[in-house]
Amino acid sequence: MNRNQSIIASLCYFSVFIAPIIVPIVVYFVVDEKETKRHAIRSLISHIIPFVGWLFLFIAFLGGAIAIDADSLLPVFVIFGGAIIYFLVVISIIIWNVIQGIKVLRVA
């Protein structure tokens, strides 16, 4: 992989801050090199995970809101527990994307 391709591949990972999902899709369809496409797919998957997690968190919020009872704190724990887990997953995915972007740049 040449220097230009590694910069494009690293931009796929760093796009988690700017335009997640859009940049890896565009790179996948525009670039011809297999290694850059592989990085685009990996970063796309890592950008989709928070959206799927958000969906589960939304369902937990709905379930917790429906099940809230004056005598039970379980729905509150489910909502806050889900939010904390979601936050930790998103932070770890952002860190993973930064590390992968730096690794791709260092290889070139």
N, C-alpha and C. Protein backbone atom coordinates (compact mmCIF):
# COMPACT_ATOMS: atom_id res chain seq x y z
N MET A 1 0.86 -1.17 0.00
CA MET A 1 0.00 0.00 0.00
C MET A 1 0.90 1.23 0.00
N ASN A 2 0.69 2.13 -0.96
CA ASN A 2 1.53 3.31 -1.04
C ASN A 2 1.05 4.39 -0.05
N ARG A 3 1.78 5.45 0.00
CA ARG A 3 1.52 6.52 0.98
C ARG A 3 0.13 7.11 0.82
N ASN A 4 -0.29 7.39 -0.40
CA ASN A 4 -1.62 7.98 -0.63
C ASN A 4 -2.73 7.05 -0.18
N GLN A 5 -2.58 5.76 -0.48
CA GLN A 5 -3.59 4.79 -0.08
C GLN A 5 -3.67 4.65 1.43
N SER A 6 -2.51 4.72 2.10
CA SER A 6 -2.53 4.62 3.56
C SER A 6 -3.17 5.86 4.19
N ILE A 7 -2.99 7.02 3.60
CA ILE A 7 -3.65 8.23 4.10
C ILE A 7 -5.16 8.11 3.93
N ILE A 8 -5.60 7.61 2.79
CA ILE A 8 -7.04 7.43 2.56
C ILE A 8 -7.61 6.40 3.53
N ALA A 9 -6.87 5.30 3.75
CA ALA A 9 -7.34 4.27 4.68
C ALA A 9 -7.42 4.82 6.10
N SER A 10 -6.44 5.63 6.51
CA SER A 10 -6.48 6.20 7.85
C SER A 10 -7.62 7.22 7.98
N LEU A 11 -7.94 7.91 6.92
CA LEU A 11 -9.07 8.85 6.96
C LEU A 11 -10.40 8.12 7.20
N CYS A 12 -10.48 6.90 6.74
CA CYS A 12 -11.68 6.10 7.01
C CYS A 12 -11.86 5.92 8.52
N TYR A 13 -10.76 5.64 9.22
CA TYR A 13 -10.84 5.46 10.67
C TYR A 13 -11.07 6.79 11.38
N PHE A 14 -10.37 7.84 10.95
CA PHE A 14 -10.51 9.14 11.60
C PHE A 14 -11.84 9.82 11.31
N SER A 15 -12.55 9.32 10.32
CA SER A 15 -13.85 9.92 9.99
C SER A 15 -14.90 9.67 11.06
N VAL A 16 -14.55 8.90 12.09
CA VAL A 16 -15.47 8.69 13.21
C VAL A 16 -15.80 10.03 13.86
N PHE A 17 -14.91 11.03 13.71
CA PHE A 17 -15.14 12.35 14.28
C PHE A 17 -15.92 13.28 13.34
N ILE A 18 -15.83 13.05 12.05
CA ILE A 18 -16.38 14.01 11.09
C ILE A 18 -17.65 13.48 10.41
N ALA A 19 -17.50 12.42 9.66
CA ALA A 19 -18.64 11.89 8.89
C ALA A 19 -18.62 10.37 8.94
N PRO A 20 -18.95 9.80 10.11
CA PRO A 20 -18.92 8.34 10.17
C PRO A 20 -19.91 7.73 9.19
N ILE A 21 -19.61 6.60 8.71
CA ILE A 21 -20.39 5.80 7.76
C ILE A 21 -20.25 6.35 6.34
N ILE A 22 -20.33 7.65 6.15
CA ILE A 22 -20.30 8.22 4.80
C ILE A 22 -18.91 8.06 4.16
N VAL A 23 -17.86 8.45 4.87
CA VAL A 23 -16.51 8.40 4.31
C VAL A 23 -16.09 6.98 3.96
N PRO A 24 -16.26 5.99 4.85
CA PRO A 24 -15.86 4.63 4.46
C PRO A 24 -16.63 4.08 3.26
N ILE A 25 -17.91 4.42 3.15
CA ILE A 25 -18.69 3.96 2.00
C ILE A 25 -18.16 4.58 0.71
N VAL A 26 -17.91 5.88 0.73
CA VAL A 26 -17.38 6.55 -0.46
C VAL A 26 -16.02 5.98 -0.84
N VAL A 27 -15.15 5.80 0.15
CA VAL A 27 -13.81 5.25 -0.13
C VAL A 27 -13.93 3.84 -0.69
N TYR A 28 -14.82 3.04 -0.15
CA TYR A 28 -14.96 1.66 -0.63
C TYR A 28 -15.33 1.63 -2.12
N PHE A 29 -16.21 2.52 -2.53
CA PHE A 29 -16.65 2.48 -3.92
C PHE A 29 -15.73 3.25 -4.88
N VAL A 30 -14.90 4.14 -4.37
CA VAL A 30 -14.04 4.94 -5.24
C VAL A 30 -12.67 4.29 -5.43
N VAL A 31 -12.11 3.71 -4.39
CA VAL A 31 -10.74 3.19 -4.43
C VAL A 31 -10.75 1.77 -4.99
N ASP A 32 -9.66 1.44 -5.71
CA ASP A 32 -9.55 0.11 -6.32
C ASP A 32 -8.68 -0.86 -5.53
N GLU A 33 -7.81 -0.38 -4.67
CA GLU A 33 -6.88 -1.26 -3.96
C GLU A 33 -7.59 -2.06 -2.87
N LYS A 34 -7.29 -3.36 -2.82
CA LYS A 34 -7.96 -4.28 -1.89
C LYS A 34 -7.69 -3.92 -0.43
N GLU A 35 -6.45 -3.57 -0.11
CA GLU A 35 -6.10 -3.27 1.28
C GLU A 35 -6.85 -2.03 1.79
N THR A 36 -6.98 -1.03 0.96
CA THR A 36 -7.72 0.17 1.35
C THR A 36 -9.20 -0.14 1.51
N LYS A 37 -9.73 -0.98 0.64
CA LYS A 37 -11.13 -1.39 0.77
C LYS A 37 -11.35 -2.17 2.06
N ARG A 38 -10.38 -3.01 2.43
CA ARG A 38 -10.48 -3.77 3.68
C ARG A 38 -10.54 -2.82 4.88
N HIS A 39 -9.71 -1.79 4.86
CA HIS A 39 -9.74 -0.81 5.95
C HIS A 39 -11.05 -0.02 5.94
N ALA A 40 -11.58 0.26 4.76
CA ALA A 40 -12.85 0.98 4.68
C ALA A 40 -13.98 0.14 5.28
N ILE A 41 -13.99 -1.15 5.01
CA ILE A 41 -15.03 -2.03 5.57
C ILE A 41 -14.88 -2.15 7.08
N ARG A 42 -13.64 -2.31 7.56
CA ARG A 42 -13.42 -2.42 9.01
C ARG A 42 -13.88 -1.15 9.73
N SER A 43 -13.55 0.01 9.16
CA SER A 43 -13.96 1.25 9.81
C SER A 43 -15.47 1.44 9.70
N LEU A 44 -16.06 1.02 8.60
CA LEU A 44 -17.52 1.12 8.46
C LEU A 44 -18.23 0.29 9.52
N ILE A 45 -17.74 -0.92 9.75
CA ILE A 45 -18.35 -1.77 10.79
C ILE A 45 -18.21 -1.11 12.15
N SER A 46 -17.04 -0.54 12.43
CA SER A 46 -16.85 0.10 13.73
C SER A 46 -17.69 1.37 13.86
N HIS A 47 -18.07 1.98 12.76
CA HIS A 47 -18.93 3.16 12.82
C HIS A 47 -20.41 2.78 12.95
N ILE A 48 -20.77 1.60 12.49
CA ILE A 48 -22.16 1.15 12.57
C ILE A 48 -22.50 0.64 13.98
N ILE A 49 -21.53 0.09 14.68
CA ILE A 49 -21.78 -0.48 16.01
C ILE A 49 -22.46 0.51 16.97
N PRO A 50 -22.02 1.79 17.06
CA PRO A 50 -22.72 2.71 17.97
C PRO A 50 -24.18 2.95 17.58
N PHE A 51 -24.49 2.92 16.29
CA PHE A 51 -25.88 3.11 15.88
C PHE A 51 -26.75 1.93 16.30
N VAL A 52 -26.20 0.73 16.19
CA VAL A 52 -26.92 -0.46 16.65
C VAL A 52 -27.08 -0.41 18.17
N GLY A 53 -26.01 0.00 18.86
CA GLY A 53 -26.09 0.14 20.32
C GLY A 53 -27.11 1.18 20.73
N TRP A 54 -27.18 2.26 19.95
CA TRP A 54 -28.17 3.29 20.24
C TRP A 54 -29.58 2.73 20.13
N LEU A 55 -29.81 1.86 19.15
CA LEU A 55 -31.12 1.24 18.99
C LEU A 55 -31.47 0.41 20.21
N PHE A 56 -30.53 -0.39 20.70
CA PHE A 56 -30.78 -1.18 21.91
C PHE A 56 -31.00 -0.29 23.12
N LEU A 57 -30.26 0.80 23.21
CA LEU A 57 -30.44 1.73 24.32
C LEU A 57 -31.82 2.39 24.26
N PHE A 58 -32.25 2.72 23.06
CA PHE A 58 -33.59 3.31 22.88
C PHE A 58 -34.67 2.33 23.32
N ILE A 59 -34.50 1.06 22.96
CA ILE A 59 -35.47 0.04 23.38
C ILE A 59 -35.46 -0.11 24.90
N ALA A 60 -34.27 -0.04 25.51
CA ALA A 60 -34.19 -0.12 26.97
C ALA A 60 -34.88 1.07 27.62
N PHE A 61 -34.71 2.26 27.02
CA PHE A 61 -35.40 3.44 27.55
C PHE A 61 -36.91 3.28 27.46
N LEU A 62 -37.38 2.78 26.31
CA LEU A 62 -38.82 2.58 26.16
C LEU A 62 -39.34 1.54 27.14
N GLY A 63 -38.63 0.43 27.24
CA GLY A 63 -39.04 -0.61 28.18
C GLY A 63 -39.01 -0.13 29.61
N GLY A 64 -37.99 0.65 29.94
CA GLY A 64 -37.90 1.19 31.29
C GLY A 64 -38.98 2.20 31.58
N ALA A 65 -39.30 3.03 30.58
CA ALA A 65 -40.34 4.03 30.78
C ALA A 65 -41.71 3.39 30.93
N ILE A 66 -41.95 2.31 30.20
CA ILE A 66 -43.23 1.62 30.30
C ILE A 66 -43.34 0.88 31.63
N ALA A 67 -42.21 0.31 32.08
CA ALA A 67 -42.25 -0.54 33.27
C ALA A 67 -42.03 0.23 34.58
N ILE A 68 -41.85 1.54 34.48
CA ILE A 68 -41.60 2.30 35.72
C ILE A 68 -42.80 2.17 36.64
N ASP A 69 -42.48 1.77 37.83
CA ASP A 69 -43.49 1.57 38.86
C ASP A 69 -42.98 2.27 40.11
N ALA A 70 -43.86 2.74 40.92
CA ALA A 70 -43.46 3.47 42.11
C ALA A 70 -42.69 2.58 43.09
N ASP A 71 -42.91 1.29 43.03
CA ASP A 71 -42.28 0.38 43.99
C ASP A 71 -40.99 -0.25 43.47
N SER A 72 -40.68 -0.09 42.20
CA SER A 72 -39.54 -0.79 41.63
C SER A 72 -38.54 0.19 41.04
N LEU A 73 -37.28 -0.01 41.39
CA LEU A 73 -36.21 0.79 40.80
C LEU A 73 -35.48 0.05 39.69
N LEU A 74 -35.89 -1.18 39.41
CA LEU A 74 -35.21 -1.97 38.38
C LEU A 74 -35.20 -1.28 37.02
N PRO A 75 -36.32 -0.72 36.53
CA PRO A 75 -36.26 -0.04 35.23
C PRO A 75 -35.27 1.12 35.20
N VAL A 76 -35.14 1.81 36.31
CA VAL A 76 -34.19 2.92 36.38
C VAL A 76 -32.77 2.39 36.25
N PHE A 77 -32.48 1.28 36.93
CA PHE A 77 -31.16 0.67 36.83
C PHE A 77 -30.89 0.15 35.43
N VAL A 78 -31.90 -0.38 34.77
CA VAL A 78 -31.74 -0.86 33.40
C VAL A 78 -31.43 0.30 32.47
N ILE A 79 -32.13 1.42 32.63
CA ILE A 79 -31.90 2.58 31.78
C ILE A 79 -30.50 3.14 32.00
N PHE A 80 -30.13 3.40 33.23
CA PHE A 80 -28.82 3.97 33.51
C PHE A 80 -27.69 2.99 33.23
N GLY A 81 -27.92 1.72 33.51
CA GLY A 81 -26.91 0.71 33.19
C GLY A 81 -26.66 0.62 31.70
N GLY A 82 -27.75 0.65 30.94
CA GLY A 82 -27.63 0.63 29.48
C GLY A 82 -26.91 1.85 28.95
N ALA A 83 -27.20 3.02 29.54
CA ALA A 83 -26.54 4.25 29.11
C ALA A 83 -25.05 4.22 29.42
N ILE A 84 -24.68 3.70 30.57
CA ILE A 84 -23.27 3.62 30.93
C ILE A 84 -22.54 2.64 30.02
N ILE A 85 -23.13 1.50 29.76
CA ILE A 85 -22.51 0.52 28.86
C ILE A 85 -22.37 1.09 27.46
N TYR A 86 -23.40 1.78 26.98
CA TYR A 86 -23.36 2.39 25.65
C TYR A 86 -22.23 3.43 25.59
N PHE A 87 -22.11 4.26 26.61
CA PHE A 87 -21.07 5.27 26.65
C PHE A 87 -19.69 4.62 26.61
N LEU A 88 -19.48 3.57 27.37
CA LEU A 88 -18.19 2.88 27.38
C LEU A 88 -17.87 2.24 26.02
N VAL A 89 -18.89 1.68 25.38
CA VAL A 89 -18.68 1.08 24.05
C VAL A 89 -18.30 2.15 23.03
N VAL A 90 -18.99 3.27 23.06
CA VAL A 90 -18.69 4.34 22.10
C VAL A 90 -17.29 4.90 22.32
N ILE A 91 -16.91 5.12 23.56
CA ILE A 91 -15.56 5.62 23.84
C ILE A 91 -14.51 4.62 23.39
N SER A 92 -14.73 3.33 23.64
CA SER A 92 -13.75 2.33 23.23
C SER A 92 -13.67 2.22 21.70
N ILE A 93 -14.76 2.38 21.01
CA ILE A 93 -14.74 2.34 19.55
C ILE A 93 -14.00 3.55 18.98
N ILE A 94 -14.19 4.71 19.58
CA ILE A 94 -13.46 5.90 19.14
C ILE A 94 -11.96 5.70 19.35
N ILE A 95 -11.57 5.20 20.51
CA ILE A 95 -10.16 4.94 20.78
C ILE A 95 -9.60 3.92 19.79
N TRP A 96 -10.37 2.85 19.51
CA TRP A 96 -9.93 1.82 18.57
C TRP A 96 -9.71 2.43 17.18
N ASN A 97 -10.63 3.29 16.74
CA ASN A 97 -10.50 3.92 15.43
C ASN A 97 -9.25 4.80 15.35
N VAL A 98 -8.97 5.55 16.40
CA VAL A 98 -7.78 6.40 16.41
C VAL A 98 -6.52 5.53 16.35
N ILE A 99 -6.48 4.46 17.13
CA ILE A 99 -5.32 3.57 17.13
C ILE A 99 -5.12 2.94 15.75
N GLN A 100 -6.20 2.48 15.14
CA GLN A 100 -6.09 1.86 13.82
C GLN A 100 -5.65 2.88 12.77
N GLY A 101 -6.17 4.10 12.84
CA GLY A 101 -5.75 5.14 11.90
C GLY A 101 -4.27 5.45 12.01
N ILE A 102 -3.77 5.51 13.24
CA ILE A 102 -2.33 5.77 13.45
C ILE A 102 -1.51 4.59 12.96
N LYS A 103 -1.96 3.36 13.21
CA LYS A 103 -1.24 2.18 12.73
C LYS A 103 -1.12 2.17 11.22
N VAL A 104 -2.20 2.51 10.54
CA VAL A 104 -2.16 2.53 9.07
C VAL A 104 -1.19 3.59 8.57
N LEU A 105 -1.14 4.73 9.23
CA LEU A 105 -0.21 5.77 8.81
C LEU A 105 1.24 5.38 9.09
N ARG A 106 1.48 4.66 10.16
CA ARG A 106 2.84 4.27 10.52
C ARG A 106 3.39 3.21 9.58
N VAL A 107 2.53 2.39 9.02
CA VAL A 107 2.99 1.31 8.14
C VAL A 107 3.55 1.88 6.83
N ALA A 108 2.95 2.93 6.37
CA ALA A 108 3.36 3.48 5.06
C ALA A 108 4.70 4.18 5.11
